[in-house]
Amino acid sequence: MMWRHRFRGRTRRARPAGTVPLAALRPGERAEVVAFDVSSPRRLQRLSTLGLVPGVELVLRQIFPAYVVGLGETELALDCGRADEILVRRLGPARPIGGARWRRGRAGRG
């Protein structure tokens, strides 16, 4: 059972343990979507249509002027309000795309 409390004039559910809002991440951090704190079913349906469902892994790419998250090969731009509604569990720093290794020096030199 989730306890409800008042926050900024609307009723919100208590957060699951170990989760933070997407807006609390730093650029480059990986996270797993755990839950949503949305006030309407339409908004929840919209987020799931975009691919944001519990269990999906994402990478926060940027935070200004909008929050940009990478979901596999897809990138989504979210405003601050939507970023606060997505609850995630931190997984650590971003991994290189496609399993490539980070290289030092100029391109073409190993």
C-alpha atoms as a PDB file:
ATOM      1  CA  MET A   1       0.000   0.000   0.000  1.00  0.00           C
ATOM      2  CA  MET A   2       1.344   3.393  -0.982  1.00  0.00           C
ATOM      3  CA  TRP A   3       0.909   6.280   1.414  1.00  0.00           C
ATOM      4  CA  ARG A   4      -0.195   9.547  -0.100  1.00  0.00           C
ATOM      5  CA  HIS A   5       0.854  13.018   0.953  1.00  0.00           C
ATOM      6  CA  ARG A   6       0.346  16.551  -0.308  1.00  0.00           C
ATOM      7  CA  PHE A   7       3.114  18.124  -2.382  1.00  0.00           C
ATOM      8  CA  ARG A   8       2.836  21.411  -4.271  1.00  0.00           C
ATOM      9  CA  GLY A   9      -0.933  21.374  -4.093  1.00  0.00           C
ATOM     10  CA  ARG A  10      -1.527  17.895  -5.506  1.00  0.00           C
ATOM     11  CA  THR A  11      -1.613  14.399  -4.098  1.00  0.00           C
ATOM     12  CA  ARG A  12       1.480  12.297  -4.800  1.00  0.00           C
ATOM     13  CA  ARG A  13       2.458   8.765  -3.907  1.00  0.00           C
ATOM     14  CA  ALA A  14       5.429   7.940  -1.729  1.00  0.00           C
ATOM     15  CA  ARG A  15       8.509   7.044  -3.790  1.00  0.00           C
ATOM     16  CA  PRO A  16       9.735   3.420  -3.912  1.00  0.00           C
ATOM     17  CA  ALA A  17      12.968   2.941  -1.925  1.00  0.00           C
ATOM     18  CA  GLY A  18      16.206   3.547  -3.831  1.00  0.00           C
ATOM     19  CA  THR A  19      14.620   5.619  -6.595  1.00  0.00           C
ATOM     20  CA  VAL A  20      15.170   9.212  -7.661  1.00  0.00           C
ATOM     21  CA  PRO A  21      13.412  11.399 -10.234  1.00  0.00           C
ATOM     22  CA  LEU A  22      15.010  11.458 -13.675  1.00  0.00           C
ATOM     23  CA  ALA A  23      15.679  15.165 -13.100  1.00  0.00           C
ATOM     24  CA  ALA A  24      18.126  14.254 -10.286  1.00  0.00           C
ATOM     25  CA  LEU A  25      20.542  12.456 -12.639  1.00  0.00           C
ATOM     26  CA  ARG A  26      23.626  14.041 -14.177  1.00  0.00           C
ATOM     27  CA  PRO A  27      24.372  13.927 -17.905  1.00  0.00           C
ATOM     28  CA  GLY A  28      26.039  10.642 -18.823  1.00  0.00           C
ATOM     29  CA  GLU A  29      24.444   8.587 -16.033  1.00  0.00           C
ATOM     30  CA  ARG A  30      22.627   5.333 -16.797  1.00  0.00           C
ATOM     31  CA  ALA A  31      19.406   4.444 -15.017  1.00  0.00           C
ATOM     32  CA  GLU A  32      16.547   1.946 -15.080  1.00  0.00           C
ATOM     33  CA  VAL A  33      12.947   3.178 -15.135  1.00  0.00           C
ATOM     34  CA  VAL A  34      11.159   1.899 -12.011  1.00  0.00           C
ATOM     35  CA  ALA A  35       7.857   3.763 -11.725  1.00  0.00           C
ATOM     36  CA  PHE A  36       5.924   6.881 -12.690  1.00  0.00           C
ATOM     37  CA  ASP A  37       4.393   9.586 -10.509  1.00  0.00           C
ATOM     38  CA  VAL A  38       1.799  10.896 -12.952  1.00  0.00           C
ATOM     39  CA  SER A  39      -1.569  12.433 -12.197  1.00  0.00           C
ATOM     40  CA  SER A  40      -3.480  11.251 -15.278  1.00  0.00           C
ATOM     41  CA  PRO A  41      -3.777   7.947 -17.161  1.00  0.00           C
ATOM     42  CA  ARG A  42      -3.364   9.783 -20.492  1.00  0.00           C
ATOM     43  CA  ARG A  43       0.070  11.037 -19.467  1.00  0.00           C
ATOM     44  CA  LEU A  44       1.096   7.522 -18.402  1.00  0.00           C
ATOM     45  CA  GLN A  45      -0.107   6.151 -21.746  1.00  0.00           C
ATOM     46  CA  ARG A  46       1.862   8.847 -23.595  1.00  0.00           C
ATOM     47  CA  LEU A  47       5.087   7.985 -21.753  1.00  0.00           C
ATOM     48  CA  SER A  48       4.649   4.267 -22.444  1.00  0.00           C
ATOM     49  CA  THR A  49       3.962   4.984 -26.125  1.00  0.00           C
ATOM     50  CA  LEU A  50       7.313   6.783 -26.277  1.00  0.00           C
ATOM     51  CA  GLY A  51       9.043   3.661 -24.912  1.00  0.00           C
ATOM     52  CA  LEU A  52       9.378   4.715 -21.269  1.00  0.00           C
ATOM     53  CA  VAL A  53       8.147   1.621 -19.433  1.00  0.00           C
ATOM     54  CA  PRO A  54       9.338   0.092 -16.151  1.00  0.00           C
ATOM     55  CA  GLY A  55      12.485  -1.978 -16.649  1.00  0.00           C
ATOM     56  CA  VAL A  56      13.888  -0.076 -19.641  1.00  0.00           C
ATOM     57  CA  GLU A  57      17.446   1.249 -19.353  1.00  0.00           C
ATOM     58  CA  LEU A  58      18.187   4.825 -20.363  1.00  0.00           C
ATOM     59  CA  VAL A  59      21.072   7.293 -20.486  1.00  0.00           C
ATOM     60  CA  LEU A  60      20.630  10.978 -19.667  1.00  0.00           C
ATOM     61  CA  ARG A  61      22.339  12.874 -22.507  1.00  0.00           C
ATOM     62  CA  GLN A  62      21.691  16.525 -21.525  1.00  0.00           C
ATOM     63  CA  ILE A  63      19.690  18.591 -19.044  1.00  0.00           C
ATOM     64  CA  PHE A  64      19.503  22.035 -20.651  1.00  0.00           C
ATOM     65  CA  PRO A  65      17.434  23.401 -22.380  1.00  0.00           C
ATOM     66  CA  ALA A  66      15.484  20.123 -22.137  1.00  0.00           C
ATOM     67  CA  TYR A  67      16.180  16.723 -20.617  1.00  0.00           C
ATOM     68  CA  VAL A  68      17.321  14.422 -23.422  1.00  0.00           C
ATOM     69  CA  VAL A  69      17.365  10.693 -22.709  1.00  0.00           C
ATOM     70  CA  GLY A  70      18.645   7.877 -24.889  1.00  0.00           C
ATOM     71  CA  LEU A  71      16.658   4.631 -25.026  1.00  0.00           C
ATOM     72  CA  GLY A  72      18.649   2.283 -27.224  1.00  0.00           C
ATOM     73  CA  GLU A  73      18.668   3.955 -30.646  1.00  0.00           C
ATOM     74  CA  THR A  74      15.951   6.474 -29.695  1.00  0.00           C
ATOM     75  CA  GLU A  75      16.454   9.891 -28.108  1.00  0.00           C
ATOM     76  CA  LEU A  76      13.609  11.712 -26.357  1.00  0.00           C
ATOM     77  CA  ALA A  77      13.418  15.332 -25.196  1.00  0.00           C
ATOM     78  CA  LEU A  78      11.406  15.891 -22.008  1.00  0.00           C
ATOM     79  CA  ASP A  79      10.518  19.065 -20.123  1.00  0.00           C
ATOM     80  CA  CYS A  80      11.325  19.469 -16.436  1.00  0.00           C
ATOM     81  CA  GLY A  81       7.823  18.475 -15.307  1.00  0.00           C
ATOM     82  CA  ARG A  82       7.971  15.156 -17.160  1.00  0.00           C
ATOM     83  CA  ALA A  83      11.506  14.465 -15.891  1.00  0.00           C
ATOM     84  CA  ASP A  84      10.241  14.848 -12.301  1.00  0.00           C
ATOM     85  CA  GLU A  85       7.464  12.300 -12.912  1.00  0.00           C
ATOM     86  CA  ILE A  86       9.775   9.480 -14.050  1.00  0.00           C
ATOM     87  CA  LEU A  87      11.301   7.555 -11.138  1.00  0.00           C
ATOM     88  CA  VAL A  88      14.544   5.712 -11.876  1.00  0.00           C
ATOM     89  CA  ARG A  89      17.224   3.620 -10.161  1.00  0.00           C
ATOM     90  CA  ARG A  90      20.807   4.722 -10.857  1.00  0.00           C
ATOM     91  CA  LEU A  91      23.015   2.175 -12.659  1.00  0.00           C
ATOM     92  CA  GLY A  92      26.246   4.140 -13.062  1.00  0.00           C
ATOM     93  CA  PRO A  93      28.086   5.965 -15.859  1.00  0.00           C
ATOM     94  CA  ALA A  94      27.173   5.523 -19.512  1.00  0.00           C
ATOM     95  CA  ARG A  95      28.670   2.683 -21.538  1.00  0.00           C
ATOM     96  CA  PRO A  96      30.112   3.253 -25.005  1.00  0.00           C
ATOM     97  CA  ILE A  97      27.550   2.840 -27.796  1.00  0.00           C
ATOM     98  CA  GLY A  98      27.726  -0.423 -29.745  1.00  0.00           C
ATOM     99  CA  GLY A  99      30.180  -2.063 -27.349  1.00  0.00           C
ATOM    100  CA  ALA A 100      33.076  -0.010 -28.752  1.00  0.00           C
ATOM    101  CA  ARG A 101      35.958   0.778 -26.442  1.00  0.00           C
ATOM    102  CA  TRP A 102      36.958   4.297 -25.533  1.00  0.00           C
ATOM    103  CA  ARG A 103      40.231   5.239 -27.182  1.00  0.00           C
ATOM    104  CA  ARG A 104      42.833   7.784 -26.362  1.00  0.00           C
ATOM    105  CA  GLY A 105      44.616   9.897 -28.921  1.00  0.00           C
ATOM    106  CA  ARG A 106      43.663  10.656 -32.493  1.00  0.00           C
ATOM    107  CA  ALA A 107      41.180   8.646 -34.529  1.00  0.00           C
ATOM    108  CA  GLY A 108      42.709   5.738 -36.377  1.00  0.00           C
ATOM    109  CA  ARG A 109      45.448   5.177 -33.838  1.00  0.00           C
ATOM    110  CA  GLY A 110      44.957   2.378 -31.319  1.00  0.00           C
END
